[in-house]
């Protein structure tokens, strides 16, 4: 007979496997989006959304820092999937499928986006200055 402790560890490993799979799919989608941004057939609006989404995903700085309880992870759980969803809807299906196939067949590494980090730092600076001006 199994104890409830065994059930908890089994559920935790299943949840961890699910999270690892989700993270791998997210990384693959981000790289696929990166490839679509380089394709001349991608519409300008889609490229704009892709650049924002990929730049934010690769930025070493979050819009909402993760150390803030609960709220700190909302940007990762809501903004990134929403940006990916919107970008995929705006990209022509043929372009998406070709870039996705390329992502699946090639090894890839995602660069860090220093430009996105600068934008996030500027946003935080403006916010801090605005809050200080209210005081």
Protein backbone atom coordinates (compact mmCIF):
# COMPACT_ATOMS: atom_id res chain seq x y z
CA UNK A 1 0.00 0.00 0.00
CA UNK A 2 1.32 3.44 -0.93
CA UNK A 3 1.37 6.26 1.53
CA UNK A 4 0.06 9.73 0.79
CA UNK A 5 3.68 10.92 0.76
CA UNK A 6 4.30 8.73 -2.30
CA UNK A 7 1.32 10.35 -4.05
CA UNK A 8 2.66 13.81 -3.33
CA UNK A 9 6.11 13.01 -4.70
CA UNK A 10 4.58 11.39 -7.79
CA UNK A 11 2.35 14.42 -8.38
CA UNK A 12 5.30 16.76 -7.86
CA UNK A 13 7.40 14.90 -10.43
CA UNK A 14 4.51 14.91 -12.92
CA UNK A 15 4.02 18.64 -12.37
CA UNK A 16 7.76 19.24 -12.73
CA UNK A 17 7.78 17.28 -16.00
CA UNK A 18 4.80 19.30 -17.22
CA UNK A 19 6.56 22.56 -16.35
CA UNK A 20 9.75 21.43 -18.08
CA UNK A 21 7.75 20.58 -21.20
CA UNK A 22 5.98 23.94 -21.08
CA UNK A 23 9.29 25.77 -20.67
CA UNK A 24 10.84 23.88 -23.61
CA UNK A 25 7.84 24.71 -25.81
CA UNK A 26 8.05 28.37 -24.75
CA UNK A 27 11.74 28.53 -25.62
CA UNK A 28 11.06 26.88 -28.99
CA UNK A 29 8.23 29.31 -29.76
CA UNK A 30 10.41 32.28 -28.84
CA UNK A 31 13.13 31.08 -31.22
CA UNK A 32 10.55 30.43 -33.95
CA UNK A 33 9.27 33.99 -33.47
CA UNK A 34 12.84 35.25 -33.71
CA UNK A 35 13.21 33.47 -37.06
CA UNK A 36 9.91 34.89 -38.33
CA UNK A 37 11.09 38.41 -37.53
CA UNK A 38 13.94 37.88 -40.00
CA UNK A 39 11.60 36.67 -42.77
CA UNK A 40 10.63 39.36 -45.33
CA UNK A 41 7.14 37.83 -45.70
CA UNK A 42 6.27 38.67 -42.09
CA UNK A 43 4.02 41.78 -41.91
CA UNK A 44 5.40 44.89 -40.20
CA UNK A 45 2.86 44.80 -37.33
CA UNK A 46 3.71 41.15 -36.64
CA UNK A 47 7.43 42.00 -36.65
CA UNK A 48 6.78 44.79 -34.15
CA UNK A 49 4.92 42.41 -31.79
CA UNK A 50 7.61 39.74 -32.29
CA UNK A 51 10.42 42.17 -31.48
CA UNK A 52 8.64 43.31 -28.31
CA UNK A 53 7.84 39.75 -27.23
CA UNK A 54 11.24 38.21 -28.02
CA UNK A 55 13.07 41.24 -26.63
CA UNK A 56 11.14 40.99 -23.38
CA UNK A 57 11.62 37.21 -23.18
CA UNK A 58 15.38 37.57 -23.64
CA UNK A 59 15.77 40.60 -21.42
CA UNK A 60 17.65 39.81 -18.21
CA UNK A 61 15.38 42.30 -16.40
CA UNK A 62 11.64 41.76 -15.87
CA UNK A 63 9.05 44.52 -16.10
CA UNK A 64 7.79 43.32 -12.70
CA UNK A 65 10.67 41.85 -10.66
CA UNK A 66 10.15 38.18 -9.73
CA UNK A 67 10.98 38.82 -6.06
CA UNK A 68 7.63 40.60 -5.66
CA UNK A 69 5.33 37.82 -4.35
CA UNK A 70 2.80 36.45 -6.85
CA UNK A 71 2.68 39.62 -8.98
CA UNK A 72 6.33 39.18 -9.98
CA UNK A 73 5.53 36.09 -12.01
CA UNK A 74 2.38 37.45 -13.65
CA UNK A 75 4.34 39.13 -16.41
CA UNK A 76 5.99 35.82 -17.30
CA UNK A 77 2.73 33.90 -17.03
CA UNK A 78 0.52 36.43 -18.86
CA UNK A 79 2.53 38.86 -20.99
CA UNK A 80 4.79 36.36 -22.74
CA UNK A 81 2.05 33.88 -23.71
CA UNK A 82 -0.20 36.77 -24.81
CA UNK A 83 2.58 38.25 -26.94
CA UNK A 84 3.36 34.87 -28.47
CA UNK A 85 -0.32 34.21 -29.18
CA UNK A 86 -0.83 37.60 -30.82
CA UNK A 87 2.34 37.37 -32.89
CA UNK A 88 1.45 33.88 -34.15
CA UNK A 89 -2.00 35.13 -35.20
CA UNK A 90 -0.41 37.97 -37.20
CA UNK A 91 2.26 35.85 -38.93
CA UNK A 92 1.26 34.13 -42.20
CA UNK A 93 0.75 30.41 -41.59
CA UNK A 94 3.29 29.34 -44.23
CA UNK A 95 6.00 31.53 -42.66
CA UNK A 96 5.20 30.19 -39.18
CA UNK A 97 5.28 26.55 -40.34
CA UNK A 98 8.59 26.98 -42.20
CA UNK A 99 10.25 28.72 -39.25
CA UNK A 100 8.84 26.16 -36.79
CA UNK A 101 10.22 23.30 -38.92
CA UNK A 102 13.59 25.04 -38.98
CA UNK A 103 13.51 25.44 -35.19
CA UNK A 104 12.74 21.72 -34.75
CA UNK A 105 15.55 20.63 -37.09
CA UNK A 106 18.33 22.96 -35.90
CA UNK A 107 20.05 23.43 -32.58
CA UNK A 108 19.46 26.95 -31.32
CA UNK A 109 20.60 29.28 -28.60
CA UNK A 110 18.79 32.45 -27.66
CA UNK A 111 20.90 35.57 -27.21
CA UNK A 112 20.39 37.99 -24.33
CA UNK A 113 18.74 41.26 -25.33
CA UNK A 114 20.61 44.17 -23.78
CA UNK A 115 18.42 46.65 -25.66
CA UNK A 116 15.30 45.29 -24.00
CA UNK A 117 17.03 45.49 -20.62
CA UNK A 118 17.78 49.17 -21.27
CA UNK A 119 14.13 49.85 -22.15
CA UNK A 120 12.91 48.12 -18.97
CA UNK A 121 15.45 50.05 -16.88
CA UNK A 122 14.29 53.31 -18.46
CA UNK A 123 10.65 52.46 -17.70
CA UNK A 124 11.51 51.73 -14.07
CA UNK A 125 13.53 54.97 -13.85
CA UNK A 126 10.65 57.03 -15.20
CA UNK A 127 8.25 55.31 -12.81
CA UNK A 128 10.55 55.98 -9.84
CA UNK A 129 10.97 59.63 -10.81
CA UNK A 130 7.22 60.01 -11.18
CA UNK A 131 6.56 58.44 -7.76
CA UNK A 132 9.22 60.69 -6.19
CA UNK A 133 7.65 63.75 -7.78
CA UNK A 134 4.34 62.87 -6.11
CA UNK A 135 5.92 62.82 -2.66
